[in-house]
Structure formats: structure tokens, C-alpha cells
Amino acid sequence: MANVRNLPTLCRVYDRWINPALTCRTLSNAAMVKKSLITVTFFVIIGIPSQAQCLKGDSLVKKINFLRDSSNLSPPDQIKALSPYERSIGSCVYNHDSVHAQLLQRIGRLYSSLGNYPKAVDYYHRTIDLINKSVGRPSNNPRYLIQTYYWLSGCYDSLHRVSDKVKAYDSCAYVAIRLRSIDAYCLWTLLHRAQYCFDVGDYHRCISYADLCESLATHLARSGSKVDFDLGNRYAISSLGWSVNALLFLKKYDEAKSLLEKKAIECEKNGFEYNLGVIYGSLAEALELKGDFE
């Protein structure tokens, strides 16, 4: 340990070579230097978590899923827990575009659950932009667009932004068909697109969307699991109903009759007998409107 008598000399050396900004004249000043160094060290340690937020992709996904399924945290608390990862993930040295998309998408859903639809819309658009900018990267999963457009349409519906809602319907279905990823999100948007066209009196377009929905739903029912069979069958019969309704409003009774008779034969052939009640009920309505009471 240096002798106190040598302190002025040591201080001059410190001033000149170690830290010219500090002036060390007394023992109390030396203590101040020590305190300053401790304070700097403390802030350096505090800064480390920003780097720690760069979790591996699978670790961050597990955290997102845990907060969603098992944490029992409220949506505001989940947003608070995920926000540090959102702020830091863009500067991480690795690229996990699909994980980043899941993070943004999840925060959007949390804001939507709170009724903060403008904020949710912002996060959904950021998700869409991220995925579209990352086309071709191995870490990118464009299928996340399907869900994102689906949830975006719901936000627009709550905000009464009808035109934007319809565009989101179309985008959801377009991406799903392009990626050959037909699921409940795709079929739901097609069915509601048909319903929207019916409500605004665009019956021909209603038939087009309903026919597309029925075709995709039937294919899903025939080639998928038991769950896919039930899902596809439900959407197929629902979309058929909108096609028939549109034909009836167009007073194309014979065409509606032929369509329903054809579908009845297909149902009997493919084991969809439980749809026959709906089909024959619609057929009776078509015949009644036509005036054919035989």
C-alpha cells in the first residue's frame, strides 16, 4: 500500500495517465474516485440485460408460449414481459424472422384482447411488413401471414373499417391458397367474404367466393384427418347455403334446384348423409319460390 505522504505524487500520476477528468488531492477525493468507479460498474451491469434479451429462437418461442398458456399473467403484464424482447430483437446478431414475427403477432393479439384495436393493427402490420421483407430467408415462415391477416380483419371489423376488413379477408385467403395451406383461417375468411357480398347485394360475386370456399373445404375434408374432415364438411355445407341463397335472390330457381340435387347425390356417395337434411330443406324452399308444389 502506498504511503500517505506519497499521495500527491500518486494523484498526479492518476490525473495524467488514468483519468485526466478527475483531480485527486485528498484521501476523501480518493474515496470519491472509488465510489465513481463502483457507480460506473453498476451501470455497466445494469446495461447487460439488453444483450441478454437476445434469447435463442426456440427459447423466446417457449417464453411466448409459456406467458400465453401457463403464466396466468394478465394481458398488460404479458405485454410488459415481452416488450424488452421486442425492443432488442432487431439488434440481435442472429436472424430469427419467424420468431420476431411471432413476438409482434402475440403482442398484437394481447392489445386486441384489451380492446386497443389501433395498437393491435399497428403490430399486425409490423408483422406483415417483417415477413414480406424477409421472403426467401430460411428463418422466415410466410404462413404466419395467414393468421395475421385473419386477426387483422377482426380488428378492422371492431373499428368499423369495412373496406380494410374486406381487403384483409382477401389477403388471408390469397396467401393461404398460394402457399397451399388451407385451414380454418382461410375458410373462415372466404365464407365471410361470400356473406359480405351477399349483404351488399353482389350475388354473383357471393357465388364465386362461396364456390371457392366449398371446393377448398371439400378437398380438406377428403384428404385430412378426422378434425379436417369435420372442419371441411362444416364449411362446405355453409358455403353451399350462401350459393343457394344468392341464386334464389337472383331468381335462378332451376339453377338452385339442379345444384342442390347434385349436392344431395354427392353427399350420399361420399358419406355426408348428415348434410342431406339441410340440402333437402333448401331444395324445398327453392321449389316453393319457383311455384313448383308437386
Protein backbone atom coordinates (compact mmCIF):
# COMPACT_ATOMS: atom_id res chain seq x y z
CA MET A 1 0.00 0.00 0.00
CA ALA A 2 1.33 3.47 -0.87
CA ASN A 3 2.38 5.74 1.95
CA VAL A 4 0.05 8.70 2.61
CA ARG A 5 2.99 11.04 2.11
CA ASN A 6 3.26 9.86 -1.49
CA LEU A 7 -0.44 10.55 -2.20
CA PRO A 8 0.08 13.85 -4.09
CA THR A 9 2.55 12.15 -6.42
CA LEU A 10 0.25 9.20 -6.99
CA CYS A 11 -2.64 11.56 -7.64
CA ARG A 12 -0.66 13.43 -10.27
CA VAL A 13 0.14 10.14 -11.99
CA TYR A 14 -3.55 9.17 -11.87
CA ASP A 15 -4.57 12.57 -13.23
CA ARG A 16 -2.12 12.35 -16.12
CA TRP A 17 -2.42 8.74 -17.22
CA ILE A 18 -5.59 7.18 -15.87
CA ASN A 19 -8.36 9.76 -15.81
CA PRO A 20 -7.48 13.41 -16.60
CA ALA A 21 -11.07 14.41 -15.87
CA LEU A 22 -10.68 13.62 -12.16
CA THR A 23 -8.48 15.51 -9.69
CA CYS A 24 -7.29 13.50 -6.74
CA ARG A 25 -5.98 15.81 -3.97
CA THR A 26 -7.01 14.22 -0.69
CA LEU A 27 -7.97 10.91 0.77
CA SER A 28 -11.62 11.95 0.66
CA ASN A 29 -11.27 12.66 -3.04
CA ALA A 30 -9.73 9.24 -3.48
CA ALA A 31 -12.80 7.76 -1.84
CA MET A 32 -14.92 9.71 -4.28
CA VAL A 33 -12.97 8.16 -7.15
CA LYS A 34 -13.57 4.70 -5.78
CA LYS A 35 -17.27 5.47 -5.42
CA SER A 36 -17.41 6.74 -9.00
CA LEU A 37 -15.80 3.57 -10.30
CA ILE A 38 -18.30 1.45 -8.40
CA THR A 39 -21.16 3.51 -9.83
CA VAL A 40 -19.87 3.09 -13.39
CA THR A 41 -19.52 -0.64 -12.84
CA PHE A 42 -23.10 -0.77 -11.56
CA PHE A 43 -24.47 0.90 -14.68
CA VAL A 44 -22.45 -1.40 -16.92
CA ILE A 45 -24.01 -4.39 -15.17
CA ILE A 46 -27.47 -2.87 -15.50
CA GLY A 47 -26.87 -2.49 -19.22
CA ILE A 48 -26.12 -6.16 -19.73
CA PRO A 49 -29.77 -7.35 -19.82
CA SER A 50 -30.29 -5.61 -23.19
CA GLN A 51 -27.88 -8.14 -24.64
CA ALA A 52 -29.39 -10.91 -22.53
CA GLN A 53 -32.69 -10.31 -24.33
CA CYS A 54 -31.17 -11.95 -27.42
CA LEU A 55 -32.50 -15.36 -26.49
CA LYS A 56 -32.16 -18.24 -28.87
CA GLY A 57 -35.14 -18.50 -31.18
CA ASP A 58 -36.61 -21.61 -29.56
CA SER A 59 -36.12 -20.13 -26.08
CA LEU A 60 -38.05 -16.98 -26.96
CA VAL A 61 -40.84 -19.03 -28.55
CA LYS A 62 -41.07 -21.11 -25.36
CA LYS A 63 -41.29 -17.92 -23.31
CA ILE A 64 -44.04 -16.54 -25.55
CA ASN A 65 -45.98 -19.80 -25.28
CA PHE A 66 -45.46 -20.02 -21.53
CA LEU A 67 -46.78 -16.50 -20.98
CA ARG A 68 -49.75 -17.30 -23.19
CA ASP A 69 -50.67 -20.74 -21.83
CA SER A 70 -49.30 -21.19 -18.33
CA SER A 71 -48.32 -17.94 -16.66
CA ASN A 72 -51.80 -16.69 -15.63
CA LEU A 73 -50.48 -13.18 -16.21
CA SER A 74 -52.92 -10.53 -17.35
CA PRO A 75 -52.55 -9.16 -20.90
CA PRO A 76 -50.95 -5.91 -19.65
CA ASP A 77 -48.41 -7.90 -17.63
CA GLN A 78 -47.68 -10.14 -20.61
CA ILE A 79 -47.09 -7.08 -22.78
CA LYS A 80 -44.73 -5.71 -20.12
CA ALA A 81 -42.85 -9.02 -20.04
CA LEU A 82 -42.49 -9.25 -23.82
CA SER A 83 -41.69 -5.61 -24.57
CA PRO A 84 -37.95 -5.84 -23.71
CA TYR A 85 -37.55 -8.61 -26.28
CA GLU A 86 -39.38 -6.55 -28.88
CA ARG A 87 -37.02 -3.62 -28.33
CA SER A 88 -33.86 -5.71 -28.53
CA ILE A 89 -34.55 -8.46 -31.05
CA GLY A 90 -33.88 -6.24 -34.06
CA SER A 91 -30.28 -5.72 -32.93
CA CYS A 92 -29.53 -9.37 -32.15
CA VAL A 93 -26.63 -10.85 -34.09
CA TYR A 94 -28.68 -13.79 -35.35
CA ASN A 95 -31.73 -13.67 -37.59
CA HIS A 96 -34.93 -15.36 -36.46
CA ASP A 97 -37.52 -13.64 -38.64
CA SER A 98 -40.27 -16.12 -37.82
CA VAL A 99 -39.63 -15.74 -34.09
CA HIS A 100 -39.66 -11.95 -34.42
CA ALA A 101 -42.94 -12.25 -36.33
CA GLN A 102 -44.44 -14.45 -33.61
CA LEU A 103 -43.41 -11.90 -30.98
CA LEU A 104 -45.01 -8.97 -32.82
CA GLN A 105 -48.09 -11.04 -33.61
CA ARG A 106 -48.51 -12.10 -29.99
CA ILE A 107 -48.23 -8.53 -28.69
CA GLY A 108 -50.82 -7.53 -31.29
CA ARG A 109 -53.21 -10.18 -30.02
CA LEU A 110 -52.72 -9.01 -26.45
CA TYR A 111 -53.58 -5.42 -27.39
CA SER A 112 -56.60 -6.72 -29.30
CA SER A 113 -57.80 -8.63 -26.22
CA LEU A 114 -57.65 -5.32 -24.32
CA GLY A 115 -59.79 -3.61 -26.97
CA ASN A 116 -56.88 -1.44 -28.10
CA TYR A 117 -57.52 -2.20 -31.76
CA PRO A 118 -55.45 0.65 -33.28
CA LYS A 119 -52.40 -0.58 -31.37
CA ALA A 120 -53.14 -4.18 -32.42
CA VAL A 121 -53.45 -3.11 -36.05
CA ASP A 122 -50.04 -1.45 -35.82
CA TYR A 123 -48.43 -4.64 -34.53
CA TYR A 124 -50.14 -6.79 -37.15
CA HIS A 125 -48.90 -4.52 -39.92
CA ARG A 126 -45.40 -4.65 -38.50
CA THR A 127 -45.65 -8.45 -38.54
CA ILE A 128 -46.78 -8.42 -42.17
CA ASP A 129 -44.03 -5.99 -43.21
CA LEU A 130 -41.37 -8.07 -41.48
CA ILE A 131 -42.46 -11.29 -43.18
CA ASN A 132 -42.75 -9.67 -46.61
CA LYS A 133 -39.28 -8.12 -46.29
CA SER A 134 -37.79 -11.48 -45.35
CA VAL A 135 -39.06 -13.51 -48.30
CA GLY A 136 -36.61 -16.23 -49.24
CA ARG A 137 -34.80 -16.38 -45.91
CA PRO A 138 -34.67 -19.82 -44.30
CA SER A 139 -35.71 -18.29 -40.97
CA ASN A 140 -38.85 -16.76 -42.45
CA ASN A 141 -42.23 -18.53 -42.31
CA PRO A 142 -44.75 -16.84 -44.63
CA ARG A 143 -47.59 -18.97 -43.21
CA TYR A 144 -47.74 -16.57 -40.27
CA LEU A 145 -49.30 -14.11 -42.73
CA ILE A 146 -52.47 -16.21 -42.84
CA GLN A 147 -53.19 -15.87 -39.12
CA THR A 148 -52.09 -12.25 -39.06
CA TYR A 149 -54.49 -11.20 -41.82
CA TYR A 150 -57.26 -13.15 -40.10
CA TRP A 151 -56.76 -11.32 -36.79
CA LEU A 152 -56.27 -8.03 -38.63
CA SER A 153 -59.70 -8.43 -40.24
CA GLY A 154 -61.24 -8.81 -36.77
CA CYS A 155 -59.65 -5.57 -35.59
CA TYR A 156 -60.88 -3.72 -38.66
CA ASP A 157 -64.36 -5.10 -38.02
CA SER A 158 -64.29 -3.75 -34.46
CA LEU A 159 -63.09 -0.39 -35.80
CA HIS A 160 -65.87 -0.39 -38.45
CA ARG A 161 -63.28 -0.10 -41.22
CA VAL A 162 -65.24 -2.23 -43.65
CA SER A 163 -63.08 -1.71 -46.74
CA ASP A 164 -59.90 -2.63 -44.86
CA LYS A 165 -61.63 -5.64 -43.33
CA VAL A 166 -62.58 -6.96 -46.76
CA LYS A 167 -59.03 -6.44 -48.03
CA ALA A 168 -57.73 -8.43 -45.06
CA TYR A 169 -60.20 -11.22 -45.93
CA ASP A 170 -58.86 -11.36 -49.46
CA SER A 171 -55.23 -11.23 -48.36
CA CYS A 172 -55.72 -14.06 -45.89
CA ALA A 173 -57.33 -16.32 -48.49
CA TYR A 174 -54.87 -15.37 -51.23
CA VAL A 175 -51.80 -16.19 -49.11
CA ALA A 176 -53.31 -19.48 -47.90
CA ILE A 177 -54.14 -20.60 -51.43
CA ARG A 178 -50.74 -19.52 -52.78
CA LEU A 179 -48.97 -21.44 -50.02
CA ARG A 180 -51.38 -24.38 -50.32
CA SER A 181 -52.12 -24.07 -46.62
CA ILE A 182 -55.88 -24.41 -46.39
CA ASP A 183 -57.12 -24.23 -42.82
CA ALA A 184 -59.86 -22.71 -40.67
CA TYR A 185 -58.43 -19.18 -41.09
CA CYS A 186 -58.62 -19.38 -44.88
CA LEU A 187 -62.07 -20.99 -44.99
CA TRP A 188 -63.48 -18.57 -42.42
CA THR A 189 -62.39 -15.51 -44.39
CA LEU A 190 -63.73 -16.93 -47.68
CA LEU A 191 -67.07 -17.74 -46.11
CA HIS A 192 -67.37 -14.28 -44.57
CA ARG A 193 -66.29 -12.72 -47.84
CA ALA A 194 -69.19 -14.51 -49.53
CA GLN A 195 -71.53 -13.35 -46.79
CA TYR A 196 -70.33 -9.76 -47.18
CA CYS A 197 -71.00 -9.87 -50.92
CA PHE A 198 -74.49 -11.21 -50.26
CA ASP A 199 -75.21 -8.48 -47.71
CA VAL A 200 -74.25 -5.73 -50.17
CA GLY A 201 -76.29 -7.34 -52.99
CA ASP A 202 -73.33 -8.58 -55.05
CA TYR A 203 -74.85 -12.01 -55.55
CA HIS A 204 -72.67 -13.15 -58.45
CA ARG A 205 -69.50 -12.48 -56.51
CA CYS A 206 -71.08 -14.12 -53.47
CA ILE A 207 -71.48 -17.29 -55.53
CA SER A 208 -67.87 -17.12 -56.70
CA TYR A 209 -66.48 -16.85 -53.18
CA ALA A 210 -68.87 -19.47 -51.82
CA ASP A 211 -67.97 -21.91 -54.61
CA LEU A 212 -64.26 -21.41 -53.93
CA CYS A 213 -64.78 -21.93 -50.20
CA GLU A 214 -66.83 -25.07 -50.80
CA SER A 215 -64.26 -26.51 -53.20
CA LEU A 216 -61.35 -25.98 -50.79
CA ALA A 217 -63.36 -27.20 -47.81
CA THR A 218 -64.42 -30.37 -49.63
CA HIS A 219 -60.82 -31.08 -50.61
CA LEU A 220 -59.74 -30.61 -46.98
CA ALA A 221 -62.47 -32.94 -45.75
CA ARG A 222 -61.44 -35.67 -48.15
CA SER A 223 -57.69 -35.55 -47.64
CA GLY A 224 -57.19 -34.59 -44.00
CA SER A 225 -57.62 -36.00 -40.53
CA LYS A 226 -60.88 -36.50 -38.66
CA VAL A 227 -60.61 -32.93 -37.44
CA ASP A 228 -60.05 -31.70 -41.00
CA PHE A 229 -62.97 -33.84 -42.19
CA ASP A 230 -65.36 -32.24 -39.72
CA LEU A 231 -63.98 -28.75 -40.36
CA GLY A 232 -64.10 -29.09 -44.14
CA ASN A 233 -67.57 -30.57 -44.13
CA ARG A 234 -68.92 -27.78 -41.94
CA TYR A 235 -67.56 -25.06 -44.19
CA ALA A 236 -68.62 -26.89 -47.35
CA ILE A 237 -72.27 -27.05 -46.32
CA SER A 238 -72.22 -23.44 -45.06
CA SER A 239 -70.75 -22.11 -48.30
CA LEU A 240 -73.29 -24.12 -50.30
CA GLY A 241 -76.00 -22.33 -48.36
CA TRP A 242 -74.72 -18.93 -49.43
CA SER A 243 -74.51 -20.04 -53.06
CA VAL A 244 -78.13 -21.23 -52.96
CA ASN A 245 -79.31 -18.05 -51.22
CA ALA A 246 -77.65 -15.92 -53.89
CA LEU A 247 -79.23 -17.99 -56.68
CA LEU A 248 -82.64 -17.63 -55.07
CA PHE A 249 -82.27 -13.85 -54.80
CA LEU A 250 -81.28 -13.82 -58.46
CA LYS A 251 -84.46 -15.86 -59.10
CA LYS A 252 -82.43 -18.63 -60.69
CA TYR A 253 -84.63 -21.30 -59.18
CA ASP A 254 -83.84 -24.02 -61.69
CA GLU A 255 -80.13 -23.50 -61.23
CA ALA A 256 -80.53 -23.66 -57.45
CA LYS A 257 -82.61 -26.83 -57.79
CA SER A 258 -80.01 -28.51 -60.02
CA LEU A 259 -77.17 -27.53 -57.68
CA LEU A 260 -78.94 -28.92 -54.62
CA GLU A 261 -79.90 -32.18 -56.34
CA LYS A 262 -76.28 -32.61 -57.45
CA LYS A 263 -75.01 -31.99 -53.92
CA ALA A 264 -77.52 -34.47 -52.47
CA ILE A 265 -76.12 -37.20 -54.75
CA GLU A 266 -72.54 -36.27 -53.82
CA CYS A 267 -73.35 -36.38 -50.11
CA GLU A 268 -74.89 -39.84 -50.38
CA LYS A 269 -71.90 -41.05 -52.38
CA ASN A 270 -69.21 -39.59 -50.11
CA GLY A 271 -70.80 -40.41 -46.75
CA PHE A 272 -72.05 -36.93 -45.89
CA GLU A 273 -75.61 -38.12 -45.19
CA TYR A 274 -75.98 -35.79 -42.21
CA ASN A 275 -75.95 -32.86 -44.67
CA LEU A 276 -78.96 -34.17 -46.55
CA GLY A 277 -81.46 -32.57 -44.18
CA VAL A 278 -80.05 -29.11 -44.88
CA ILE A 279 -79.88 -29.78 -48.62
CA TYR A 280 -83.44 -31.09 -48.92
CA GLY A 281 -84.74 -28.21 -46.81
CA SER A 282 -83.10 -25.73 -49.18
CA LEU A 283 -84.44 -27.68 -52.17
CA ALA A 284 -87.98 -27.44 -50.82
CA GLU A 285 -87.53 -23.68 -50.41
CA ALA A 286 -86.26 -23.34 -53.98
CA LEU A 287 -89.23 -25.29 -55.34
CA GLU A 288 -91.66 -23.23 -53.30
CA LEU A 289 -90.25 -19.97 -54.59
CA LYS A 290 -90.43 -21.32 -58.10
CA GLY A 291 -94.08 -22.22 -57.57
CA ASP A 292 -93.50 -25.93 -58.04
CA PHE A 293 -95.65 -27.52 -55.33
CA GLU A 294 -95.78 -31.03 -56.77
